[in-house]
C-alpha atoms as a PDB file:
ATOM      1  CA  MET A   1     -11.491  17.828   6.584  1.00  0.00           C
ATOM      2  CA  ARG A   2     -15.004  18.347   8.030  1.00  0.00           C
ATOM      3  CA  GLN A   3     -16.392  16.550   4.987  1.00  0.00           C
ATOM      4  CA  ILE A   4     -13.735  13.843   4.906  1.00  0.00           C
ATOM      5  CA  GLN A   5     -13.852  12.785   8.575  1.00  0.00           C
ATOM      6  CA  PRO A   6     -17.454  11.429   8.475  1.00  0.00           C
ATOM      7  CA  ILE A   7     -16.570   9.466   5.322  1.00  0.00           C
ATOM      8  CA  ILE A   8     -13.529   7.951   7.016  1.00  0.00           C
ATOM      9  CA  LYS A   9     -15.654   6.993  10.025  1.00  0.00           C
ATOM     10  CA  ARG A  10     -18.341   5.488   7.778  1.00  0.00           C
ATOM     11  CA  GLU A  11     -15.835   3.432   5.809  1.00  0.00           C
ATOM     12  CA  LEU A  12     -13.981   2.174   8.880  1.00  0.00           C
ATOM     13  CA  GLN A  13     -17.263   1.085  10.456  1.00  0.00           C
ATOM     14  CA  SER A  14     -18.124  -0.799   7.269  1.00  0.00           C
ATOM     15  CA  TYR A  15     -14.840  -2.727   7.502  1.00  0.00           C
ATOM     16  CA  PHE A  16     -15.472  -3.938  11.029  1.00  0.00           C
ATOM     17  CA  ALA A  17     -19.176  -4.583  10.451  1.00  0.00           C
ATOM     18  CA  THR A  18     -18.211  -7.801   8.646  1.00  0.00           C
ATOM     19  CA  PRO A  19     -15.613 -10.511   9.352  1.00  0.00           C
ATOM     20  CA  ILE A  20     -13.507  -9.281   6.400  1.00  0.00           C
ATOM     21  CA  ALA A  21     -11.479  -6.861   8.539  1.00  0.00           C
ATOM     22  CA  TYR A  22     -10.649  -9.463  11.151  1.00  0.00           C
ATOM     23  CA  VAL A  23      -9.761 -12.079   8.533  1.00  0.00           C
ATOM     24  CA  PHE A  24      -7.432  -9.611   6.795  1.00  0.00           C
ATOM     25  CA  ILE A  25      -5.696  -8.641  10.041  1.00  0.00           C
ATOM     26  CA  VAL A  26      -5.235 -12.265  11.122  1.00  0.00           C
ATOM     27  CA  ILE A  27      -3.851 -13.267   7.708  1.00  0.00           C
ATOM     28  CA  PHE A  28      -1.501 -10.279   7.674  1.00  0.00           C
ATOM     29  CA  LEU A  29      -0.176 -10.992  11.165  1.00  0.00           C
ATOM     30  CA  ILE A  30       0.296 -14.711  10.510  1.00  0.00           C
ATOM     31  CA  MET A  31       2.017 -14.190   7.162  1.00  0.00           C
ATOM     32  CA  SER A  32       4.216 -11.420   8.572  1.00  0.00           C
ATOM     33  CA  GLY A  33       5.370 -13.766  11.310  1.00  0.00           C
ATOM     34  CA  VAL A  34       5.895 -16.707   8.957  1.00  0.00           C
ATOM     35  CA  PHE A  35       7.880 -14.688   6.429  1.00  0.00           C
ATOM     36  CA  GLY A  36       9.871 -12.864   9.078  1.00  0.00           C
ATOM     37  CA  PHE A  37      10.738 -15.735  11.399  1.00  0.00           C
ATOM     38  CA  TYR A  38      10.646 -18.778   9.112  1.00  0.00           C
ATOM     39  CA  PHE A  39      11.672 -17.613   5.640  1.00  0.00           C
ATOM     40  CA  GLY A  40      13.657 -14.619   6.907  1.00  0.00           C
ATOM     41  CA  SER A  41      15.438 -16.679   9.604  1.00  0.00           C
ATOM     42  CA  LEU A  42      15.022 -13.838  12.078  1.00  0.00           C
ATOM     43  CA  TYR A  43      16.346 -15.845  15.019  1.00  0.00           C
ATOM     44  CA  GLU A  44      19.017 -17.797  13.136  1.00  0.00           C
ATOM     45  CA  ARG A  45      20.672 -14.624  11.807  1.00  0.00           C
ATOM     46  CA  GLY A  46      21.862 -13.704  15.308  1.00  0.00           C
ATOM     47  CA  GLN A  47      21.305  -9.975  14.652  1.00  0.00           C
ATOM     48  CA  ALA A  48      18.974  -7.700  16.592  1.00  0.00           C
ATOM     49  CA  ASP A  49      17.055  -6.125  13.705  1.00  0.00           C
ATOM     50  CA  LEU A  50      13.825  -6.556  11.759  1.00  0.00           C
ATOM     51  CA  ILE A  51      15.330  -6.413   8.266  1.00  0.00           C
ATOM     52  CA  PRO A  52      13.943  -9.845   7.194  1.00  0.00           C
ATOM     53  CA  PHE A  53      10.525  -8.830   8.507  1.00  0.00           C
ATOM     54  CA  PHE A  54      10.373  -5.653   6.412  1.00  0.00           C
ATOM     55  CA  ASN A  55      12.016  -7.208   3.337  1.00  0.00           C
ATOM     56  CA  PHE A  56       8.896  -9.297   2.782  1.00  0.00           C
ATOM     57  CA  HIS A  57       6.406  -6.438   3.153  1.00  0.00           C
ATOM     58  CA  PRO A  58       6.364  -5.486  -0.550  1.00  0.00           C
ATOM     59  CA  TRP A  59       5.368  -9.048  -1.411  1.00  0.00           C
ATOM     60  CA  LEU A  60       2.746  -9.237   1.322  1.00  0.00           C
ATOM     61  CA  TYR A  61       1.249  -5.936   0.192  1.00  0.00           C
ATOM     62  CA  LEU A  62       1.317  -7.044  -3.439  1.00  0.00           C
ATOM     63  CA  PHE A  63      -1.663  -9.298  -2.720  1.00  0.00           C
ATOM     64  CA  LEU A  64      -3.173  -8.086   0.537  1.00  0.00           C
ATOM     65  CA  VAL A  65      -3.480  -4.367  -0.313  1.00  0.00           C
ATOM     66  CA  PRO A  66      -5.278  -4.962  -3.652  1.00  0.00           C
ATOM     67  CA  ALA A  67      -7.624  -7.248  -1.700  1.00  0.00           C
ATOM     68  CA  VAL A  68      -8.577  -4.233   0.448  1.00  0.00           C
ATOM     69  CA  ALA A  69      -8.615  -1.772  -2.459  1.00  0.00           C
ATOM     70  CA  MET A  70     -10.748  -3.843  -4.839  1.00  0.00           C
ATOM     71  CA  ARG A  71     -13.952  -3.048  -2.936  1.00  0.00           C
ATOM     72  CA  LEU A  72     -13.407   0.714  -2.583  1.00  0.00           C
ATOM     73  CA  TRP A  73     -15.330   1.691  -5.721  1.00  0.00           C
ATOM     74  CA  SER A  74     -16.216  -1.577  -7.478  1.00  0.00           C
ATOM     75  CA  GLU A  75     -18.679  -2.421  -4.718  1.00  0.00           C
ATOM     76  CA  GLU A  76     -20.293   1.023  -4.899  1.00  0.00           C
ATOM     77  CA  ARG A  77     -20.634   0.813  -8.680  1.00  0.00           C
ATOM     78  CA  ASN A  78     -21.930  -2.752  -8.669  1.00  0.00           C
ATOM     79  CA  SER A  79     -24.585  -1.983  -6.039  1.00  0.00           C
ATOM     80  CA  GLY A  80     -25.565   1.300  -7.703  1.00  0.00           C
ATOM     81  CA  ASN A  81     -24.706   3.302  -4.583  1.00  0.00           C
ATOM     82  CA  ILE A  82     -22.212   5.452  -6.465  1.00  0.00           C
ATOM     83  CA  GLU A  83     -25.047   7.410  -8.125  1.00  0.00           C
ATOM     84  CA  LEU A  84     -26.449   8.200  -4.689  1.00  0.00           C
ATOM     85  CA  LEU A  85     -23.028   9.195  -3.338  1.00  0.00           C
ATOM     86  CA  MET A  86     -22.482  11.614  -6.201  1.00  0.00           C
ATOM     87  CA  THR A  87     -25.811  13.358  -5.509  1.00  0.00           C
ATOM     88  CA  LEU A  88     -24.930  14.092  -1.886  1.00  0.00           C
ATOM     89  CA  PRO A  89     -23.609  17.598  -1.019  1.00  0.00           C
ATOM     90  CA  VAL A  90     -20.062  16.261  -0.717  1.00  0.00           C
ATOM     91  CA  HIS A  91     -17.293  16.989  -3.201  1.00  0.00           C
ATOM     92  CA  LYS A  92     -16.227  13.998  -5.273  1.00  0.00           C
ATOM     93  CA  MET A  93     -12.596  14.369  -4.180  1.00  0.00           C
ATOM     94  CA  ASP A  94     -13.716  14.212  -0.553  1.00  0.00           C
ATOM     95  CA  TRP A  95     -15.194  10.781  -1.245  1.00  0.00           C
ATOM     96  CA  VAL A  96     -11.989   9.663  -2.965  1.00  0.00           C
ATOM     97  CA  LEU A  97      -9.812  10.898  -0.091  1.00  0.00           C
ATOM     98  CA  GLY A  98     -12.172   9.665   2.619  1.00  0.00           C
ATOM     99  CA  LYS A  99     -12.322   6.132   1.217  1.00  0.00           C
ATOM    100  CA  PHE A 100      -8.573   6.073   0.646  1.00  0.00           C
ATOM    101  CA  PHE A 101      -7.634   7.329   4.126  1.00  0.00           C
ATOM    102  CA  ALA A 102     -10.057   4.900   5.790  1.00  0.00           C
ATOM    103  CA  ALA A 103      -8.505   1.949   3.961  1.00  0.00           C
ATOM    104  CA  TRP A 104      -4.988   3.286   4.657  1.00  0.00           C
ATOM    105  CA  LEU A 105      -5.738   3.642   8.361  1.00  0.00           C
ATOM    106  CA  PHE A 106      -7.145   0.125   8.398  1.00  0.00           C
ATOM    107  CA  ILE A 107      -3.939  -1.265   6.868  1.00  0.00           C
ATOM    108  CA  GLY A 108      -1.945   0.914   9.265  1.00  0.00           C
ATOM    109  CA  LEU A 109      -3.813  -0.695  12.167  1.00  0.00           C
ATOM    110  CA  ALA A 110      -2.852  -4.156  10.896  1.00  0.00           C
ATOM    111  CA  LEU A 111       0.753  -2.965  10.635  1.00  0.00           C
ATOM    112  CA  LEU A 112       0.643  -1.502  14.145  1.00  0.00           C
ATOM    113  CA  LEU A 113      -0.511  -4.835  15.555  1.00  0.00           C
ATOM    114  CA  THR A 114       2.863  -6.341  14.616  1.00  0.00           C
ATOM    115  CA  PHE A 115       4.383  -4.461  17.602  1.00  0.00           C
ATOM    116  CA  PRO A 116       5.134  -7.769  19.418  1.00  0.00           C
ATOM    117  CA  MET A 117       7.887  -8.201  16.825  1.00  0.00           C
ATOM    118  CA  VAL A 118       9.525  -5.012  18.119  1.00  0.00           C
ATOM    119  CA  ILE A 119       9.142  -6.127  21.723  1.00  0.00           C
ATOM    120  CA  SER A 120      10.666  -9.526  20.896  1.00  0.00           C
ATOM    121  CA  ILE A 121      13.681  -8.093  19.087  1.00  0.00           C
ATOM    122  CA  ASN A 122      14.313  -5.634  21.952  1.00  0.00           C
ATOM    123  CA  TYR A 123      14.126  -8.499  24.433  1.00  0.00           C
ATOM    124  CA  LEU A 124      16.624 -10.546  22.414  1.00  0.00           C
ATOM    125  CA  GLY A 125      19.127  -7.766  21.759  1.00  0.00           C
ATOM    126  CA  ASP A 126      19.779  -4.056  21.408  1.00  0.00           C
ATOM    127  CA  PRO A 127      18.340  -3.029  18.021  1.00  0.00           C
ATOM    128  CA  ASP A 128      18.366   0.398  16.393  1.00  0.00           C
ATOM    129  CA  ASN A 129      14.786   1.403  17.186  1.00  0.00           C
ATOM    130  CA  GLY A 130      15.117   4.541  15.089  1.00  0.00           C
ATOM    131  CA  LEU A 131      15.787   2.349  12.065  1.00  0.00           C
ATOM    132  CA  ILE A 132      12.830   0.128  12.959  1.00  0.00           C
ATOM    133  CA  LEU A 133      10.560   3.187  13.250  1.00  0.00           C
ATOM    134  CA  ALA A 134      11.750   4.456   9.850  1.00  0.00           C
ATOM    135  CA  SER A 135      11.055   1.025   8.365  1.00  0.00           C
ATOM    136  CA  TYR A 136       7.523   1.047   9.741  1.00  0.00           C
ATOM    137  CA  PHE A 137       6.997   4.487   8.232  1.00  0.00           C
ATOM    138  CA  GLY A 138       8.357   3.279   4.888  1.00  0.00           C
ATOM    139  CA  SER A 139       6.086   0.239   5.027  1.00  0.00           C
ATOM    140  CA  PHE A 140       3.083   2.465   5.685  1.00  0.00           C
ATOM    141  CA  LEU A 141       3.976   4.684   2.711  1.00  0.00           C
ATOM    142  CA  LEU A 142       4.445   1.616   0.514  1.00  0.00           C
ATOM    143  CA  ALA A 143       0.980   0.379   1.471  1.00  0.00           C
ATOM    144  CA  GLY A 144      -0.403   3.828   0.618  1.00  0.00           C
ATOM    145  CA  GLY A 145       1.161   3.695  -2.847  1.00  0.00           C
ATOM    146  CA  PHE A 146      -0.297   0.270  -3.561  1.00  0.00           C
ATOM    147  CA  LEU A 147      -3.664   1.355  -2.178  1.00  0.00           C
ATOM    148  CA  ALA A 148      -3.835   4.460  -4.397  1.00  0.00           C
ATOM    149  CA  ILE A 149      -3.233   2.277  -7.467  1.00  0.00           C
ATOM    150  CA  GLY A 150      -5.891  -0.164  -6.285  1.00  0.00           C
ATOM    151  CA  SER A 151      -8.352   2.673  -5.698  1.00  0.00           C
ATOM    152  CA  CYS A 152      -7.938   3.918  -9.254  1.00  0.00           C
ATOM    153  CA  ILE A 153      -8.380   0.484 -10.794  1.00  0.00           C
ATOM    154  CA  SER A 154     -11.358  -0.271  -8.532  1.00  0.00           C
ATOM    155  CA  ALA A 155     -13.060   2.861  -9.878  1.00  0.00           C
ATOM    156  CA  ALA A 156     -12.597   1.580 -13.433  1.00  0.00           C
ATOM    157  CA  THR A 157     -14.533  -1.688 -13.066  1.00  0.00           C
ATOM    158  CA  LYS A 158     -17.598  -3.093 -11.335  1.00  0.00           C
ATOM    159  CA  ASN A 159     -15.969  -6.497 -10.924  1.00  0.00           C
ATOM    160  CA  GLN A 160     -13.948  -6.805  -7.732  1.00  0.00           C
ATOM    161  CA  VAL A 161     -12.018  -9.844  -8.982  1.00  0.00           C
ATOM    162  CA  ILE A 162     -10.889  -7.973 -12.092  1.00  0.00           C
ATOM    163  CA  ALA A 163      -9.957  -4.968  -9.943  1.00  0.00           C
ATOM    164  CA  PHE A 164      -7.878  -7.233  -7.702  1.00  0.00           C
ATOM    165  CA  ILE A 165      -6.014  -8.926 -10.572  1.00  0.00           C
ATOM    166  CA  LEU A 166      -5.273  -5.690 -12.423  1.00  0.00           C
ATOM    167  CA  SER A 167      -4.089  -4.012  -9.219  1.00  0.00           C
ATOM    168  CA  VAL A 168      -1.702  -6.886  -8.494  1.00  0.00           C
ATOM    169  CA  VAL A 169      -0.299  -6.702 -12.036  1.00  0.00           C
ATOM    170  CA  VAL A 170       0.225  -2.925 -11.987  1.00  0.00           C
ATOM    171  CA  CYS A 171       1.763  -2.973  -8.502  1.00  0.00           C
ATOM    172  CA  PHE A 172       4.040  -5.830  -9.555  1.00  0.00           C
ATOM    173  CA  LEU A 173       5.275  -3.797 -12.519  1.00  0.00           C
ATOM    174  CA  PHE A 174       6.110  -0.927 -10.182  1.00  0.00           C
ATOM    175  CA  LEU A 175       8.089  -3.353  -8.021  1.00  0.00           C
ATOM    176  CA  LEU A 176       9.726  -5.085 -10.969  1.00  0.00           C
ATOM    177  CA  SER A 177      11.229  -1.878 -12.355  1.00  0.00           C
ATOM    178  CA  GLY A 178      13.684  -1.787  -9.443  1.00  0.00           C
ATOM    179  CA  PHE A 179      15.005  -5.337  -9.835  1.00  0.00           C
ATOM    180  CA  PRO A 180      18.745  -5.539 -10.704  1.00  0.00           C
ATOM    181  CA  MET A 181      17.938  -8.071 -13.438  1.00  0.00           C
ATOM    182  CA  VAL A 182      15.500  -5.656 -15.073  1.00  0.00           C
ATOM    183  CA  LEU A 183      17.883  -2.713 -14.763  1.00  0.00           C
ATOM    184  CA  ASN A 184      20.751  -4.757 -16.212  1.00  0.00           C
ATOM    185  CA  PHE A 185      18.532  -5.595 -19.175  1.00  0.00           C
ATOM    186  CA  PHE A 186      17.834  -1.914 -19.850  1.00  0.00           C
ATOM    187  CA  LYS A 187      21.527  -1.097 -19.480  1.00  0.00           C
ATOM    188  CA  MET A 188      22.221  -3.073 -22.645  1.00  0.00           C
ATOM    189  CA  PHE A 189      20.513  -0.516 -24.885  1.00  0.00           C
ATOM    190  CA  LEU A 190      19.693   2.545 -22.769  1.00  0.00           C
ATOM    191  CA  PRO A 191      21.989   5.254 -21.384  1.00  0.00           C
ATOM    192  CA  GLN A 192      22.531   5.302 -17.631  1.00  0.00           C
ATOM    193  CA  VAL A 193      20.282   8.350 -17.249  1.00  0.00           C
ATOM    194  CA  MET A 194      17.362   6.394 -18.680  1.00  0.00           C
ATOM    195  CA  VAL A 195      18.166   3.355 -16.547  1.00  0.00           C
ATOM    196  CA  ASP A 196      18.164   5.560 -13.445  1.00  0.00           C
ATOM    197  CA  ALA A 197      14.789   6.954 -14.546  1.00  0.00           C
ATOM    198  CA  VAL A 198      13.372   3.427 -14.761  1.00  0.00           C
ATOM    199  CA  ALA A 199      14.784   2.590 -11.320  1.00  0.00           C
ATOM    200  CA  SER A 200      13.274   5.769  -9.856  1.00  0.00           C
ATOM    201  CA  THR A 201       9.757   4.544 -10.702  1.00  0.00           C
ATOM    202  CA  SER A 202      10.150   1.463  -8.494  1.00  0.00           C
ATOM    203  CA  PHE A 203       8.445   1.208  -5.130  1.00  0.00           C
ATOM    204  CA  LEU A 204      11.164  -1.209  -4.111  1.00  0.00           C
ATOM    205  CA  THR A 205      14.004   1.287  -4.691  1.00  0.00           C
ATOM    206  CA  HIS A 206      12.450   3.971  -2.496  1.00  0.00           C
ATOM    207  CA  PHE A 207      11.198   1.551   0.146  1.00  0.00           C
ATOM    208  CA  ASP A 208      14.651  -0.042   0.517  1.00  0.00           C
ATOM    209  CA  SER A 209      16.184   3.401   0.941  1.00  0.00           C
ATOM    210  CA  ILE A 210      13.804   4.273   3.793  1.00  0.00           C
ATOM    211  CA  THR A 211      14.299   0.899   5.525  1.00  0.00           C
ATOM    212  CA  LYS A 212      18.003   1.726   5.694  1.00  0.00           C
ATOM    213  CA  GLY A 213      17.111   4.679   7.885  1.00  0.00           C
ATOM    214  CA  VAL A 214      17.514   7.324   5.181  1.00  0.00           C
ATOM    215  CA  LEU A 215      14.449   9.590   5.136  1.00  0.00           C
ATOM    216  CA  ASP A 216      15.388  11.325   1.919  1.00  0.00           C
ATOM    217  CA  LEU A 217      13.100  14.050   0.592  1.00  0.00           C
ATOM    218  CA  GLY A 218      13.189  12.409  -2.841  1.00  0.00           C
ATOM    219  CA  ASP A 219      11.795   9.117  -1.491  1.00  0.00           C
ATOM    220  CA  LEU A 220       9.093  10.856   0.534  1.00  0.00           C
ATOM    221  CA  SER A 221       8.157  13.032  -2.455  1.00  0.00           C
ATOM    222  CA  TYR A 222       7.965   9.960  -4.676  1.00  0.00           C
ATOM    223  CA  PHE A 223       5.341   8.296  -2.481  1.00  0.00           C
ATOM    224  CA  ALA A 224       3.429  11.562  -1.975  1.00  0.00           C
ATOM    225  CA  ILE A 225       3.331  12.291  -5.715  1.00  0.00           C
ATOM    226  CA  THR A 226       2.469   8.694  -6.617  1.00  0.00           C
ATOM    227  CA  ILE A 227      -0.449   8.639  -4.185  1.00  0.00           C
ATOM    228  CA  ALA A 228      -1.675  12.063  -5.325  1.00  0.00           C
ATOM    229  CA  VAL A 229      -1.510  11.180  -9.042  1.00  0.00           C
ATOM    230  CA  TRP A 230      -3.368   7.885  -8.670  1.00  0.00           C
ATOM    231  CA  LEU A 231      -6.052   9.441  -6.462  1.00  0.00           C
ATOM    232  CA  TYR A 232      -6.534  12.261  -8.961  1.00  0.00           C
ATOM    233  CA  ALA A 233      -6.833   9.612 -11.683  1.00  0.00           C
ATOM    234  CA  THR A 234      -9.471   7.913  -9.516  1.00  0.00           C
ATOM    235  CA  SER A 235     -11.563  11.090  -9.467  1.00  0.00           C
ATOM    236  CA  LEU A 236     -11.222  11.470 -13.252  1.00  0.00           C
ATOM    237  CA  ILE A 237     -12.344   7.888 -13.855  1.00  0.00           C
ATOM    238  CA  ILE A 238     -15.355   8.385 -11.584  1.00  0.00           C
ATOM    239  CA  ASP A 239     -16.288  11.444 -13.654  1.00  0.00           C
ATOM    240  CA  ILE A 240     -15.919   9.496 -16.905  1.00  0.00           C
ATOM    241  CA  LYS A 241     -17.957   6.556 -15.633  1.00  0.00           C
ATOM    242  CA  LYS A 242     -20.625   8.908 -14.304  1.00  0.00           C
ATOM    243  CA  ALA A 243     -20.899  10.566 -17.709  1.00  0.00           C
ATOM    244  CA  ASN A 244     -21.418   7.161 -19.335  1.00  0.00           C
END
C-alpha cells in the first residue's frame, strides 16, 4: 500500500487539474436526476424508495465509466510516459491498482454527491435506508466492474476513442447476458444449467440482487473476481505491449 497510495494521489490530482473531472461529475449528477425523477417517475410512483434511481445506473455507467477508463493507459502509451513509468522502482501491478483505485474513488465521489436524493426521499417518506445503502454499495461495485474492463481495454490501445467504444461494447455484452429475452433464447437449445451459467456472468443479475438488499456472498465474490481478473489481464497486456 505504501507504493500504491502515492499513485492514487497522483492520479486523483491529475483528474482535478483539468475541467474533465468537474464536467464528468456535473453530467453524472444531472443525468442521475433526469433518469431518476423524470424517466423513473420517482415522485409519481408515490413510494418512498430510490429503486428508479438505481435501476438506471447500469445504463449511466455503460457510457460514463468507459469515458473515465479510456484514459487510464491509452494516454500514457500515446504520450510515451508508460516507458518511463515502467522504469521507476514501482511494481507494475502497483501502477495497475493505483490507477484503478484512483479512478474508482473518483467515480465513488460522483456517486456520493447524489446524497441529496437520499435526503429528499427521507423528507418525503419513510424509506428503508438499509436498502438504499446496499444499493449504493452495489452501484459502487458495478462501477468497479465496468472500470476494470475499461482499464484492460485502455492498456491494449493508444487510441482513447477506440478504448471507449470497445469498453462500451464489452460492458454491454456483460449486461445483455442477464436480459430475460437473451436467456429465453438460450433456453431453446441449452439445458437450464447452461442458461444459469450465462445469467451468472451478467452484471445486471448480481447488481439487481444487491439492490434488493441481499448482500449474498456469491454476488460480492462475482464482482471481486471480475475486477481481479480484468486487472490481472491489464498487467499482462502491459507486459506484452512493453515487449513489443
